[in-house]
Amino acid sequence: ITGRHGVDPAAVHASDELTRELQALLADELRVQLAWPDA
C-alpha cells in the first residue's frame, strides 16, 4: 500500500481510506482473518 501510493506507513494509518484499502488487500486477496467470530 505504501509503495502503491508513495506514502509512509503513518499516512496509511492516518487515512481511513488507505486503512480500508489495506484491510481489503489483507482480507480479500491474502485471506487474512481480521476479526474473530463474536462467540
PDB file of all heavy atoms in Angstrom:
ATOM      1  N   ILE A   1       0.832  -1.208   0.000  1.00  0.00           N
ATOM      2  CA  ILE A   1       0.000   0.000   0.000  1.00  0.00           C
ATOM      3  C   ILE A   1       0.866   1.258   0.000  1.00  0.00           C
ATOM      4  O   ILE A   1       0.586   2.213  -0.743  1.00  0.00           O
ATOM      5  CB  ILE A   1      -0.950  -0.004   1.215  1.00  0.00           C
ATOM      6  CG1 ILE A   1      -1.874  -1.223   1.181  1.00  0.00           C
ATOM      7  CG2 ILE A   1      -1.769   1.284   1.263  1.00  0.00           C
ATOM      8  CD1 ILE A   1      -2.773  -1.313  -0.024  1.00  0.00           C
ATOM      9  N   THR A   2       1.922   1.276   0.803  1.00  0.00           N
ATOM     10  CA  THR A   2       2.790   2.456   0.815  1.00  0.00           C
ATOM     11  C   THR A   2       3.482   2.641  -0.531  1.00  0.00           C
ATOM     12  O   THR A   2       3.625   3.769  -1.019  1.00  0.00           O
ATOM     13  CB  THR A   2       3.853   2.360   1.930  1.00  0.00           C
ATOM     14  OG1 THR A   2       4.656   1.192   1.746  1.00  0.00           O
ATOM     15  CG2 THR A   2       3.189   2.318   3.298  1.00  0.00           C
ATOM     16  N   GLY A   3       3.903   1.541  -1.152  1.00  0.00           N
ATOM     17  CA  GLY A   3       4.534   1.637  -2.466  1.00  0.00           C
ATOM     18  C   GLY A   3       3.555   2.045  -3.547  1.00  0.00           C
ATOM     19  O   GLY A   3       3.893   2.818  -4.454  1.00  0.00           O
ATOM     20  N   ARG A   4       2.349   1.555  -3.451  1.00  0.00           N
ATOM     21  CA  ARG A   4       1.315   1.859  -4.444  1.00  0.00           C
ATOM     22  C   ARG A   4       0.991   3.344  -4.470  1.00  0.00           C
ATOM     23  O   ARG A   4       0.735   3.932  -5.529  1.00  0.00           O
ATOM     24  CB  ARG A   4       0.072   1.029  -4.124  1.00  0.00           C
ATOM     25  CG  ARG A   4      -1.055   1.114  -5.128  1.00  0.00           C
ATOM     26  CD  ARG A   4      -2.257   0.318  -4.619  1.00  0.00           C
ATOM     27  NE  ARG A   4      -2.000  -1.113  -4.503  1.00  0.00           N
ATOM     28  CZ  ARG A   4      -2.871  -1.988  -4.002  1.00  0.00           C
ATOM     29  NH1 ARG A   4      -4.054  -1.553  -3.539  1.00  0.00           N
ATOM     30  NH2 ARG A   4      -2.569  -3.270  -3.940  1.00  0.00           N
ATOM     31  N   HIS A   5       0.997   3.971  -3.298  1.00  0.00           N
ATOM     32  CA  HIS A   5       0.573   5.373  -3.190  1.00  0.00           C
ATOM     33  C   HIS A   5       1.718   6.331  -2.898  1.00  0.00           C
ATOM     34  O   HIS A   5       1.486   7.549  -2.829  1.00  0.00           O
ATOM     35  CB  HIS A   5      -0.493   5.501  -2.094  1.00  0.00           C
ATOM     36  CG  HIS A   5      -1.762   4.790  -2.410  1.00  0.00           C
ATOM     37  ND1 HIS A   5      -2.718   5.297  -3.270  1.00  0.00           N
ATOM     38  CD2 HIS A   5      -2.239   3.581  -1.998  1.00  0.00           C
ATOM     39  CE1 HIS A   5      -3.726   4.447  -3.359  1.00  0.00           C
ATOM     40  NE2 HIS A   5      -3.455   3.389  -2.602  1.00  0.00           N
ATOM     41  N   GLY A   6       2.941   5.804  -2.734  1.00  0.00           N
ATOM     42  CA  GLY A   6       4.069   6.683  -2.465  1.00  0.00           C
ATOM     43  C   GLY A   6       3.976   7.406  -1.140  1.00  0.00           C
ATOM     44  O   GLY A   6       4.349   8.591  -1.039  1.00  0.00           O
ATOM     45  N   VAL A   7       3.481   6.724  -0.117  1.00  0.00           N
ATOM     46  CA  VAL A   7       3.317   7.324   1.207  1.00  0.00           C
ATOM     47  C   VAL A   7       4.030   6.465   2.244  1.00  0.00           C
ATOM     48  O   VAL A   7       4.441   5.342   1.966  1.00  0.00           O
ATOM     49  CB  VAL A   7       1.824   7.463   1.578  1.00  0.00           C
ATOM     50  CG1 VAL A   7       1.104   8.383   0.603  1.00  0.00           C
ATOM     51  CG2 VAL A   7       1.141   6.096   1.633  1.00  0.00           C
ATOM     52  N   ASP A   8       4.147   7.004   3.445  1.00  0.00           N
ATOM     53  CA  ASP A   8       4.741   6.277   4.556  1.00  0.00           C
ATOM     54  C   ASP A   8       3.661   5.554   5.357  1.00  0.00           C
ATOM     55  O   ASP A   8       2.469   5.872   5.246  1.00  0.00           O
ATOM     56  CB  ASP A   8       5.501   7.241   5.470  1.00  0.00           C
ATOM     57  CG  ASP A   8       6.753   7.798   4.815  1.00  0.00           C
ATOM     58  OD1 ASP A   8       7.406   7.032   4.089  1.00  0.00           O
ATOM     59  OD2 ASP A   8       7.057   8.984   5.036  1.00  0.00           O
ATOM     60  N   PRO A   9       4.050   4.577   6.187  1.00  0.00           N
ATOM     61  CA  PRO A   9       3.057   3.845   6.985  1.00  0.00           C
ATOM     62  C   PRO A   9       2.173   4.740   7.840  1.00  0.00           C
ATOM     63  O   PRO A   9       0.976   4.461   7.991  1.00  0.00           O
ATOM     64  CB  PRO A   9       3.919   2.927   7.853  1.00  0.00           C
ATOM     65  CG  PRO A   9       5.127   2.667   7.016  1.00  0.00           C
ATOM     66  CD  PRO A   9       5.398   3.958   6.313  1.00  0.00           C
ATOM     67  N   ALA A  10       2.726   5.799   8.400  1.00  0.00           N
ATOM     68  CA  ALA A  10       1.917   6.685   9.236  1.00  0.00           C
ATOM     69  C   ALA A  10       0.778   7.322   8.441  1.00  0.00           C
ATOM     70  O   ALA A  10      -0.305   7.557   8.986  1.00  0.00           O
ATOM     71  CB  ALA A  10       2.793   7.765   9.867  1.00  0.00           C
ATOM     72  N   ALA A  11       1.024   7.599   7.161  1.00  0.00           N
ATOM     73  CA  ALA A  11      -0.025   8.181   6.330  1.00  0.00           C
ATOM     74  C   ALA A  11      -1.154   7.182   6.081  1.00  0.00           C
ATOM     75  O   ALA A  11      -2.328   7.568   5.985  1.00  0.00           O
ATOM     76  CB  ALA A  11       0.553   8.654   4.995  1.00  0.00           C
ATOM     77  N   VAL A  12      -0.809   5.912   5.967  1.00  0.00           N
ATOM     78  CA  VAL A  12      -1.846   4.878   5.820  1.00  0.00           C
ATOM     79  C   VAL A  12      -2.691   4.824   7.081  1.00  0.00           C
ATOM     80  O   VAL A  12      -3.924   4.789   7.027  1.00  0.00           O
ATOM     81  CB  VAL A  12      -1.207   3.510   5.516  1.00  0.00           C
ATOM     82  CG1 VAL A  12      -2.283   2.422   5.440  1.00  0.00           C
ATOM     83  CG2 VAL A  12      -0.395   3.558   4.230  1.00  0.00           C
ATOM     84  N   HIS A  13      -2.022   4.832   8.226  1.00  0.00           N
ATOM     85  CA  HIS A  13      -2.743   4.773   9.490  1.00  0.00           C
ATOM     86  C   HIS A  13      -3.630   6.001   9.687  1.00  0.00           C
ATOM     87  O   HIS A  13      -4.727   5.906  10.251  1.00  0.00           O
ATOM     88  CB  HIS A  13      -1.744   4.659  10.648  1.00  0.00           C
ATOM     89  CG  HIS A  13      -2.379   4.610  11.991  1.00  0.00           C
ATOM     90  ND1 HIS A  13      -2.171   5.576  12.957  1.00  0.00           N
ATOM     91  CD2 HIS A  13      -3.241   3.719  12.539  1.00  0.00           C
ATOM     92  CE1 HIS A  13      -2.868   5.273  14.035  1.00  0.00           C
ATOM     93  NE2 HIS A  13      -3.515   4.154  13.814  1.00  0.00           N
ATOM     94  N   ALA A  14      -3.185   7.159   9.200  1.00  0.00           N
ATOM     95  CA  ALA A  14      -3.942   8.406   9.389  1.00  0.00           C
ATOM     96  C   ALA A  14      -5.121   8.530   8.437  1.00  0.00           C
ATOM     97  O   ALA A  14      -5.999   9.378   8.643  1.00  0.00           O
ATOM     98  CB  ALA A  14      -3.009   9.601   9.217  1.00  0.00           C
ATOM     99  N   SER A  15      -5.160   7.706   7.403  1.00  0.00           N
ATOM    100  CA  SER A  15      -6.204   7.795   6.384  1.00  0.00           C
ATOM    101  C   SER A  15      -7.177   6.634   6.515  1.00  0.00           C
ATOM    102  O   SER A  15      -6.792   5.471   6.368  1.00  0.00           O
ATOM    103  CB  SER A  15      -5.571   7.782   4.989  1.00  0.00           C
ATOM    104  OG  SER A  15      -6.531   7.549   3.991  1.00  0.00           O
ATOM    105  N   ASP A  16      -8.445   6.923   6.756  1.00  0.00           N
ATOM    106  CA  ASP A  16      -9.452   5.858   6.808  1.00  0.00           C
ATOM    107  C   ASP A  16      -9.519   5.124   5.471  1.00  0.00           C
ATOM    108  O   ASP A  16      -9.674   3.897   5.428  1.00  0.00           O
ATOM    109  CB  ASP A  16     -10.821   6.441   7.152  1.00  0.00           C
ATOM    110  CG  ASP A  16     -10.898   6.943   8.584  1.00  0.00           C
ATOM    111  OD1 ASP A  16     -10.026   6.565   9.392  1.00  0.00           O
ATOM    112  OD2 ASP A  16     -11.823   7.710   8.891  1.00  0.00           O
ATOM    113  N   GLU A  17      -9.387   5.864   4.388  1.00  0.00           N
ATOM    114  CA  GLU A  17      -9.496   5.257   3.051  1.00  0.00           C
ATOM    115  C   GLU A  17      -8.345   4.287   2.799  1.00  0.00           C
ATOM    116  O   GLU A  17      -8.561   3.161   2.326  1.00  0.00           O
ATOM    117  CB  GLU A  17      -9.501   6.352   1.990  1.00  0.00           C
ATOM    118  CG  GLU A  17      -9.649   5.816   0.567  1.00  0.00           C
ATOM    119  CD  GLU A  17      -9.683   6.920  -0.476  1.00  0.00           C
ATOM    120  OE1 GLU A  17      -9.736   8.106  -0.094  1.00  0.00           O
ATOM    121  OE2 GLU A  17      -9.645   6.589  -1.681  1.00  0.00           O
ATOM    122  N   LEU A  18      -7.113   4.706   3.115  1.00  0.00           N
ATOM    123  CA  LEU A  18      -5.968   3.831   2.894  1.00  0.00           C
ATOM    124  C   LEU A  18      -5.965   2.649   3.861  1.00  0.00           C
ATOM    125  O   LEU A  18      -5.552   1.544   3.494  1.00  0.00           O
ATOM    126  CB  LEU A  18      -4.665   4.621   3.017  1.00  0.00           C
ATOM    127  CG  LEU A  18      -4.390   5.648   1.911  1.00  0.00           C
ATOM    128  CD1 LEU A  18      -3.077   6.372   2.157  1.00  0.00           C
ATOM    129  CD2 LEU A  18      -4.381   4.980   0.537  1.00  0.00           C
ATOM    130  N   THR A  19      -6.429   2.872   5.083  1.00  0.00           N
ATOM    131  CA  THR A  19      -6.534   1.756   6.029  1.00  0.00           C
ATOM    132  C   THR A  19      -7.521   0.719   5.510  1.00  0.00           C
ATOM    133  O   THR A  19      -7.263  -0.492   5.580  1.00  0.00           O
ATOM    134  CB  THR A  19      -6.957   2.263   7.420  1.00  0.00           C
ATOM    135  OG1 THR A  19      -5.946   3.137   7.927  1.00  0.00           O
ATOM    136  CG2 THR A  19      -7.144   1.106   8.394  1.00  0.00           C
ATOM    137  N   ARG A  20      -8.652   1.179   4.973  1.00  0.00           N
ATOM    138  CA  ARG A  20      -9.636   0.239   4.406  1.00  0.00           C
ATOM    139  C   ARG A  20      -9.050  -0.495   3.198  1.00  0.00           C
ATOM    140  O   ARG A  20      -9.328  -1.686   2.982  1.00  0.00           O
ATOM    141  CB  ARG A  20     -10.917   0.974   4.038  1.00  0.00           C
ATOM    142  CG  ARG A  20     -11.774   1.377   5.238  1.00  0.00           C
ATOM    143  CD  ARG A  20     -13.170   1.793   4.803  1.00  0.00           C
ATOM    144  NE  ARG A  20     -13.154   2.988   3.960  1.00  0.00           N
ATOM    145  CZ  ARG A  20     -13.231   4.234   4.417  1.00  0.00           C
ATOM    146  NH1 ARG A  20     -13.333   4.456   5.716  1.00  0.00           N
ATOM    147  NH2 ARG A  20     -13.223   5.259   3.574  1.00  0.00           N
ATOM    148  N   GLU A  21      -8.243   0.196   2.407  1.00  0.00           N
ATOM    149  CA  GLU A  21      -7.613  -0.449   1.252  1.00  0.00           C
ATOM    150  C   GLU A  21      -6.652  -1.544   1.712  1.00  0.00           C
ATOM    151  O   GLU A  21      -6.594  -2.635   1.116  1.00  0.00           O
ATOM    152  CB  GLU A  21      -6.878   0.602   0.413  1.00  0.00           C
ATOM    153  CG  GLU A  21      -6.299   0.044  -0.882  1.00  0.00           C
ATOM    154  CD  GLU A  21      -5.649   1.130  -1.738  1.00  0.00           C
ATOM    155  OE1 GLU A  21      -5.939   2.324  -1.532  1.00  0.00           O
ATOM    156  OE2 GLU A  21      -4.838   0.749  -2.613  1.00  0.00           O
ATOM    157  N   LEU A  22      -5.902  -1.244   2.765  1.00  0.00           N
ATOM    158  CA  LEU A  22      -5.002  -2.252   3.337  1.00  0.00           C
ATOM    159  C   LEU A  22      -5.803  -3.436   3.866  1.00  0.00           C
ATOM    160  O   LEU A  22      -5.445  -4.602   3.625  1.00  0.00           O
ATOM    161  CB  LEU A  22      -4.176  -1.626   4.455  1.00  0.00           C
ATOM    162  CG  LEU A  22      -3.343  -2.578   5.323  1.00  0.00           C
ATOM    163  CD1 LEU A  22      -2.310  -3.322   4.487  1.00  0.00           C
ATOM    164  CD2 LEU A  22      -2.669  -1.824   6.468  1.00  0.00           C
ATOM    165  N   GLN A  23      -6.866  -3.183   4.564  1.00  0.00           N
ATOM    166  CA  GLN A  23      -7.690  -4.262   5.113  1.00  0.00           C
ATOM    167  C   GLN A  23      -8.321  -5.101   4.013  1.00  0.00           C
ATOM    168  O   GLN A  23      -8.414  -6.327   4.135  1.00  0.00           O
ATOM    169  CB  GLN A  23      -8.758  -3.667   6.032  1.00  0.00           C
ATOM    170  CG  GLN A  23      -8.188  -3.092   7.321  1.00  0.00           C
ATOM    171  CD  GLN A  23      -9.211  -2.318   8.130  1.00  0.00           C
ATOM    172  OE1 GLN A  23     -10.107  -1.664   7.566  1.00  0.00           O
ATOM    173  NE2 GLN A  23      -9.094  -2.376   9.448  1.00  0.00           N
ATOM    174  N   ALA A  24      -8.731  -4.462   2.923  1.00  0.00           N
ATOM    175  CA  ALA A  24      -9.309  -5.206   1.800  1.00  0.00           C
ATOM    176  C   ALA A  24      -8.255  -6.107   1.160  1.00  0.00           C
ATOM    177  O   ALA A  24      -8.543  -7.253   0.785  1.00  0.00           O
ATOM    178  CB  ALA A  24      -9.887  -4.232   0.775  1.00  0.00           C
ATOM    179  N   LEU A  25      -7.029  -5.594   1.042  1.00  0.00           N
ATOM    180  CA  LEU A  25      -5.944  -6.407   0.492  1.00  0.00           C
ATOM    181  C   LEU A  25      -5.692  -7.622   1.382  1.00  0.00           C
ATOM    182  O   LEU A  25      -5.554  -8.754   0.894  1.00  0.00           O
ATOM    183  CB  LEU A  25      -4.683  -5.551   0.385  1.00  0.00           C
ATOM    184  CG  LEU A  25      -3.397  -6.258  -0.055  1.00  0.00           C
ATOM    185  CD1 LEU A  25      -3.537  -6.816  -1.470  1.00  0.00           C
ATOM    186  CD2 LEU A  25      -2.208  -5.303   0.021  1.00  0.00           C
ATOM    187  N   LEU A  26      -5.647  -7.399   2.688  1.00  0.00           N
ATOM    188  CA  LEU A  26      -5.414  -8.497   3.620  1.00  0.00           C
ATOM    189  C   LEU A  26      -6.552  -9.510   3.582  1.00  0.00           C
ATOM    190  O   LEU A  26      -6.320 -10.723   3.487  1.00  0.00           O
ATOM    191  CB  LEU A  26      -5.247  -7.945   5.040  1.00  0.00           C
ATOM    192  CG  LEU A  26      -3.928  -7.228   5.344  1.00  0.00           C
ATOM    193  CD1 LEU A  26      -4.052  -6.388   6.615  1.00  0.00           C
ATOM    194  CD2 LEU A  26      -2.793  -8.246   5.491  1.00  0.00           C
ATOM    195  N   ALA A  27      -7.780  -9.036   3.670  1.00  0.00           N
ATOM    196  CA  ALA A  27      -8.922  -9.942   3.797  1.00  0.00           C
ATOM    197  C   ALA A  27      -9.275 -10.629   2.483  1.00  0.00           C
ATOM    198  O   ALA A  27      -9.533 -11.843   2.460  1.00  0.00           O
ATOM    199  CB  ALA A  27     -10.128  -9.171   4.328  1.00  0.00           C
ATOM    200  N   ASP A  28      -9.283  -9.883   1.391  1.00  0.00           N
ATOM    201  CA  ASP A  28      -9.799 -10.422   0.128  1.00  0.00           C
ATOM    202  C   ASP A  28      -8.731 -11.167  -0.670  1.00  0.00           C
ATOM    203  O   ASP A  28      -8.992 -12.253  -1.191  1.00  0.00           O
ATOM    204  CB  ASP A  28     -10.380  -9.287  -0.718  1.00  0.00           C
ATOM    205  CG  ASP A  28     -11.537  -8.577  -0.031  1.00  0.00           C
ATOM    206  OD1 ASP A  28     -12.142  -9.186   0.871  1.00  0.00           O
ATOM    207  OD2 ASP A  28     -11.801  -7.411  -0.378  1.00  0.00           O
ATOM    208  N   GLU A  29      -7.543 -10.580  -0.782  1.00  0.00           N
ATOM    209  CA  GLU A  29      -6.511 -11.205  -1.606  1.00  0.00           C
ATOM    210  C   GLU A  29      -5.666 -12.190  -0.817  1.00  0.00           C
ATOM    211  O   GLU A  29      -5.335 -13.271  -1.315  1.00  0.00           O
ATOM    212  CB  GLU A  29      -5.623 -10.125  -2.234  1.00  0.00           C
ATOM    213  CG  GLU A  29      -4.627 -10.688  -3.228  1.00  0.00           C
ATOM    214  CD  GLU A  29      -3.990  -9.613  -4.091  1.00  0.00           C
ATOM    215  OE1 GLU A  29      -4.550  -8.505  -4.177  1.00  0.00           O
ATOM    216  OE2 GLU A  29      -2.932  -9.879  -4.684  1.00  0.00           O
ATOM    217  N   LEU A  30      -5.311 -11.829   0.407  1.00  0.00           N
ATOM    218  CA  LEU A  30      -4.427 -12.679   1.207  1.00  0.00           C
ATOM    219  C   LEU A  30      -5.184 -13.609   2.150  1.00  0.00           C
ATOM    220  O   LEU A  30      -4.583 -14.471   2.781  1.00  0.00           O
ATOM    221  CB  LEU A  30      -3.464 -11.804   2.013  1.00  0.00           C
ATOM    222  CG  LEU A  30      -2.550 -10.902   1.183  1.00  0.00           C
ATOM    223  CD1 LEU A  30      -1.734  -9.979   2.075  1.00  0.00           C
ATOM    224  CD2 LEU A  30      -1.629 -11.734   0.292  1.00  0.00           C
ATOM    225  N   ARG A  31      -6.471 -13.428   2.265  1.00  0.00           N
ATOM    226  CA  ARG A  31      -7.350 -14.246   3.105  1.00  0.00           C
ATOM    227  C   ARG A  31      -6.863 -14.291   4.554  1.00  0.00           C
ATOM    228  O   ARG A  31      -6.704 -15.350   5.153  1.00  0.00           O
ATOM    229  CB  ARG A  31      -7.490 -15.645   2.522  1.00  0.00           C
ATOM    230  CG  ARG A  31      -8.280 -15.667   1.216  1.00  0.00           C
ATOM    231  CD  ARG A  31      -8.468 -17.063   0.689  1.00  0.00           C
ATOM    232  NE  ARG A  31      -7.218 -17.629   0.230  1.00  0.00           N
ATOM    233  CZ  ARG A  31      -6.885 -18.906   0.300  1.00  0.00           C
ATOM    234  NH1 ARG A  31      -7.731 -19.769   0.857  1.00  0.00           N
ATOM    235  NH2 ARG A  31      -5.732 -19.338  -0.156  1.00  0.00           N
ATOM    236  N   VAL A  32      -6.641 -13.085   5.077  1.00  0.00           N
ATOM    237  CA  VAL A  32      -6.265 -12.913   6.474  1.00  0.00           C
ATOM    238  C   VAL A  32      -7.525 -12.678   7.293  1.00  0.00           C
ATOM    239  O   VAL A  32      -8.407 -11.920   6.880  1.00  0.00           O
ATOM    240  CB  VAL A  32      -5.294 -11.721   6.629  1.00  0.00           C
ATOM    241  CG1 VAL A  32      -5.089 -11.366   8.096  1.00  0.00           C
ATOM    242  CG2 VAL A  32      -3.966 -12.030   5.951  1.00  0.00           C
ATOM    243  N   GLN A  33      -7.623 -13.316   8.441  1.00  0.00           N
ATOM    244  CA  GLN A  33      -8.757 -13.111   9.336  1.00  0.00           C
ATOM    245  C   GLN A  33      -8.531 -11.811  10.116  1.00  0.00           C
ATOM    246  O   GLN A  33      -7.587 -11.701  10.891  1.00  0.00           O
ATOM    247  CB  GLN A  33      -8.874 -14.285  10.301  1.00  0.00           C
ATOM    248  CG  GLN A  33      -9.976 -14.130  11.340  1.00  0.00           C
ATOM    249  CD  GLN A  33     -10.052 -15.303  12.297  1.00  0.00           C
ATOM    250  OE1 GLN A  33     -10.839 -16.215  12.124  1.00  0.00           O
ATOM    251  NE2 GLN A  33      -9.200 -15.279  13.315  1.00  0.00           N
ATOM    252  N   LEU A  34      -9.404 -10.840   9.934  1.00  0.00           N
ATOM    253  CA  LEU A  34      -9.262  -9.546  10.596  1.00  0.00           C
ATOM    254  C   LEU A  34     -10.073  -9.445  11.878  1.00  0.00           C
ATOM    255  O   LEU A  34      -9.845  -8.525  12.677  1.00  0.00           O
ATOM    256  CB  LEU A  34      -9.669  -8.418   9.650  1.00  0.00           C
ATOM    257  CG  LEU A  34      -8.835  -8.277   8.363  1.00  0.00           C
ATOM    258  CD1 LEU A  34      -9.311  -7.072   7.561  1.00  0.00           C
ATOM    259  CD2 LEU A  34      -7.346  -8.160   8.683  1.00  0.00           C
ATOM    260  N   ALA A  35     -11.001 -10.357  12.076  1.00  0.00           N
ATOM    261  CA  ALA A  35     -11.820 -10.341  13.296  1.00  0.00           C
ATOM    262  C   ALA A  35     -12.235 -11.764  13.609  1.00  0.00           C
ATOM    263  O   ALA A  35     -12.451 -12.582  12.706  1.00  0.00           O
ATOM    264  CB  ALA A  35     -13.049  -9.462  13.120  1.00  0.00           C
ATOM    265  N   TRP A  36     -12.352 -12.061  14.892  1.00  0.00           N
ATOM    266  CA  TRP A  36     -12.843 -13.361  15.329  1.00  0.00           C
ATOM    267  C   TRP A  36     -14.371 -13.378  15.284  1.00  0.00           C
ATOM    268  O   TRP A  36     -15.005 -12.337  15.489  1.00  0.00           O
ATOM    269  CB  TRP A  36     -12.401 -13.644  16.762  1.00  0.00           C
ATOM    270  CG  TRP A  36     -10.944 -13.885  16.948  1.00  0.00           C
ATOM    271  CD1 TRP A  36     -10.022 -12.979  17.391  1.00  0.00           C
ATOM    272  CD2 TRP A  36     -10.234 -15.103  16.724  1.00  0.00           C
ATOM    273  NE1 TRP A  36      -8.777 -13.564  17.448  1.00  0.00           N
ATOM    274  CE2 TRP A  36      -8.880 -14.865  17.050  1.00  0.00           C
ATOM    275  CE3 TRP A  36     -10.621 -16.378  16.276  1.00  0.00           C
ATOM    276  CZ2 TRP A  36      -7.904 -15.859  16.938  1.00  0.00           C
ATOM    277  CZ3 TRP A  36      -9.649 -17.361  16.182  1.00  0.00           C
ATOM    278  CH2 TRP A  36      -8.315 -17.107  16.508  1.00  0.00           C
ATOM    279  N   PRO A  37     -14.963 -14.532  15.035  1.00  0.00           N
ATOM    280  CA  PRO A  37     -16.418 -14.639  15.256  1.00  0.00           C
ATOM    281  C   PRO A  37     -16.744 -14.212  16.677  1.00  0.00           C
ATOM    282  O   PRO A  37     -15.963 -14.460  17.614  1.00  0.00           O
ATOM    283  CB  PRO A  37     -16.693 -16.140  15.043  1.00  0.00           C
ATOM    284  CG  PRO A  37     -15.570 -16.620  14.167  1.00  0.00           C
ATOM    285  CD  PRO A  37     -14.374 -15.806  14.560  1.00  0.00           C
ATOM    286  N   ASP A  38     -17.886 -13.567  16.850  1.00  0.00           N
ATOM    287  CA  ASP A  38     -18.182 -12.956  18.143  1.00  0.00           C
ATOM    288  C   ASP A  38     -18.178 -13.962  19.289  1.00  0.00           C
ATOM    289  O   ASP A  38     -17.722 -13.653  20.389  1.00  0.00           O
ATOM    290  CB  ASP A  38     -19.537 -12.238  18.091  1.00  0.00           C
ATOM    291  CG  ASP A  38     -19.727 -11.293  19.267  1.00  0.00           C
ATOM    292  OD1 ASP A  38     -18.890 -10.375  19.423  1.00  0.00           O
ATOM    293  OD2 ASP A  38     -20.680 -11.492  20.041  1.00  0.00           O
ATOM    294  N   ALA A  39     -18.651 -15.179  19.034  1.00  0.00           N
ATOM    295  CA  ALA A  39     -18.685 -16.177  20.110  1.00  0.00           C
ATOM    296  C   ALA A  39     -17.282 -16.536  20.578  1.00  0.00           C
ATOM    297  O   ALA A  39     -17.055 -16.773  21.769  1.00  0.00           O
ATOM    298  CB  ALA A  39     -19.417 -17.430  19.641  1.00  0.00           C
TER     299      ALA A  39
END
